[in-house]
Every structure is written in C-alpha cells, then in structure tokens.
Amino acid sequence: MTLRVSNNDRSAYVQAVSLRDRDHAAEHCYYIFDLSDVPKENRIAALDGARTDWPGEIVSELTQVGDVEFFADPLSLERQLDKIVPPAQAALQR
C-alpha cells in the first residue's frame, strides 16, 4: 500500500518496504513507482531498518525510481517529506 501525504496542491507518495521479504517488497516498490506518473522527486521508498540492513544493489535500484529513506532514521524521512510537502504554516495571532 502506498501512502499519500499532501498539503494543498503538494503531494508525496511513500511506499513502505519490509525487511521480512525484502527482495519481493523492494521489487513491488520498484514496479509501482516505475509505472507511476507521479514525478520521481515526489516518491519515497521507506525501507524498514537501517541502510546496513539492505544490500547496496537494492538501495541503488530503488533510487532509480524515487528517494530512499530508512525507518531507523525517522528524522531523515520526516525532513524529506517536509521538502516535498511543506507543513502548513500556523496562523499568526496577536
């Protein structure tokens, strides 16, 4: 399942990729993103675990179809989402 995060007219699409069956999960993510009409810069493959949990070949393949972030570094994922979909600005109050 791909999650859409949006704010006004900006959207990011996040595909979670599990370590449980990583080859199949990565292949599924690649297939979905490769067929997508969504601009590459609006796609995020969010991989379970840390970079060290994933073979370099899989990470490299996924970077061809979107940005790759890791759940072990949630701040990195949050920063990438904020770049694509800036948070709503709080109204200034007097």
Protein backbone atom coordinates (compact mmCIF):
# COMPACT_ATOMS: atom_id res chain seq x y z
CA MET A 1 0.00 0.00 0.00
CA THR A 2 1.29 3.43 -0.91
CA LEU A 3 0.59 6.32 1.44
CA ARG A 4 -0.12 9.77 0.04
CA VAL A 5 0.91 12.73 2.21
CA SER A 6 -0.47 16.02 0.96
CA ASN A 7 -0.94 19.64 1.85
CA ASN A 8 -2.81 21.95 -0.51
CA ASP A 9 -1.50 21.16 -4.00
CA ARG A 10 1.68 19.27 -2.97
CA SER A 11 1.80 15.50 -2.51
CA ALA A 12 4.39 12.89 -1.63
CA TYR A 13 3.89 9.16 -2.08
CA VAL A 14 5.52 6.82 0.43
CA GLN A 15 5.89 3.09 -0.11
CA ALA A 16 6.94 1.13 2.99
CA VAL A 17 9.35 -1.69 2.16
CA SER A 18 9.57 -4.51 4.70
CA LEU A 19 12.65 -6.46 5.71
CA ARG A 20 10.55 -9.58 6.16
CA ASP A 21 10.60 -10.45 2.45
CA ARG A 22 12.91 -7.69 1.31
CA ASP A 23 13.51 -8.88 -2.26
CA HIS A 24 9.80 -9.18 -3.00
CA ALA A 25 8.96 -5.94 -1.15
CA ALA A 26 11.68 -3.99 -2.98
CA GLU A 27 10.58 -5.44 -6.33
CA HIS A 28 6.98 -4.44 -5.61
CA CYS A 29 8.02 -0.88 -4.69
CA TYR A 30 10.18 -0.57 -7.82
CA TYR A 31 7.35 -1.84 -10.03
CA ILE A 32 4.76 0.53 -8.54
CA PHE A 33 7.00 3.59 -8.70
CA ASP A 34 8.40 2.77 -12.14
CA LEU A 35 4.88 2.62 -13.61
CA SER A 36 3.73 5.74 -11.77
CA ASP A 37 3.02 9.08 -13.42
CA VAL A 38 3.98 10.80 -10.15
CA PRO A 39 7.24 12.77 -10.54
CA LYS A 40 10.25 10.85 -9.20
CA GLU A 41 11.05 13.63 -6.72
CA ASN A 42 7.64 13.06 -5.06
CA ARG A 43 8.20 9.33 -4.40
CA ILE A 44 9.79 7.94 -1.25
CA ALA A 45 10.71 4.31 -0.67
CA ALA A 46 10.74 3.97 3.13
CA LEU A 47 12.82 0.92 3.93
CA ASP A 48 12.44 -0.97 7.20
CA GLY A 49 15.54 -0.88 9.37
CA ALA A 50 18.81 0.88 8.60
CA ARG A 51 20.93 1.21 5.46
CA THR A 52 23.20 -1.57 6.76
CA ASP A 53 20.21 -3.97 6.70
CA TRP A 54 19.87 -3.63 2.91
CA PRO A 55 22.10 -4.80 0.07
CA GLY A 56 23.56 -1.90 -1.88
CA GLU A 57 22.08 -3.27 -5.12
CA ILE A 58 18.52 -2.97 -3.81
CA VAL A 59 19.08 0.55 -2.49
CA SER A 60 20.66 1.55 -5.79
CA GLU A 61 17.76 0.15 -7.83
CA LEU A 62 15.19 1.94 -5.69
CA THR A 63 17.00 5.27 -6.03
CA GLN A 64 16.32 4.99 -9.77
CA VAL A 65 12.57 5.35 -9.14
CA GLY A 66 12.43 7.59 -6.05
CA ASP A 67 14.13 8.83 -2.92
CA VAL A 68 15.18 6.14 -0.43
CA GLU A 69 14.85 6.71 3.31
CA PHE A 70 15.09 4.33 6.27
CA PHE A 71 12.73 3.91 9.21
CA ALA A 72 15.77 3.60 11.51
CA ASP A 73 16.33 7.32 10.82
CA PRO A 74 12.80 8.75 11.16
CA LEU A 75 14.06 12.35 11.18
CA SER A 76 15.54 11.86 7.71
CA LEU A 77 12.22 10.57 6.43
CA GLU A 78 10.41 13.49 8.08
CA ARG A 79 12.83 16.03 6.56
CA GLN A 80 12.34 14.54 3.10
CA LEU A 81 8.57 14.70 3.48
CA ASP A 82 8.84 18.34 4.63
CA LYS A 83 10.85 19.17 1.48
CA ILE A 84 8.17 17.72 -0.77
CA VAL A 85 5.13 18.72 1.26
CA PRO A 86 5.95 21.73 3.46
CA PRO A 87 3.97 21.69 6.70
CA ALA A 88 1.03 24.07 6.97
CA GLN A 89 2.07 27.37 8.47
CA ALA A 90 0.37 28.25 11.72
CA ALA A 91 -1.63 31.46 11.52
CA LEU A 92 -0.01 34.34 13.34
CA GLN A 93 -2.10 35.60 16.22
CA ARG A 94 -1.88 38.90 18.04
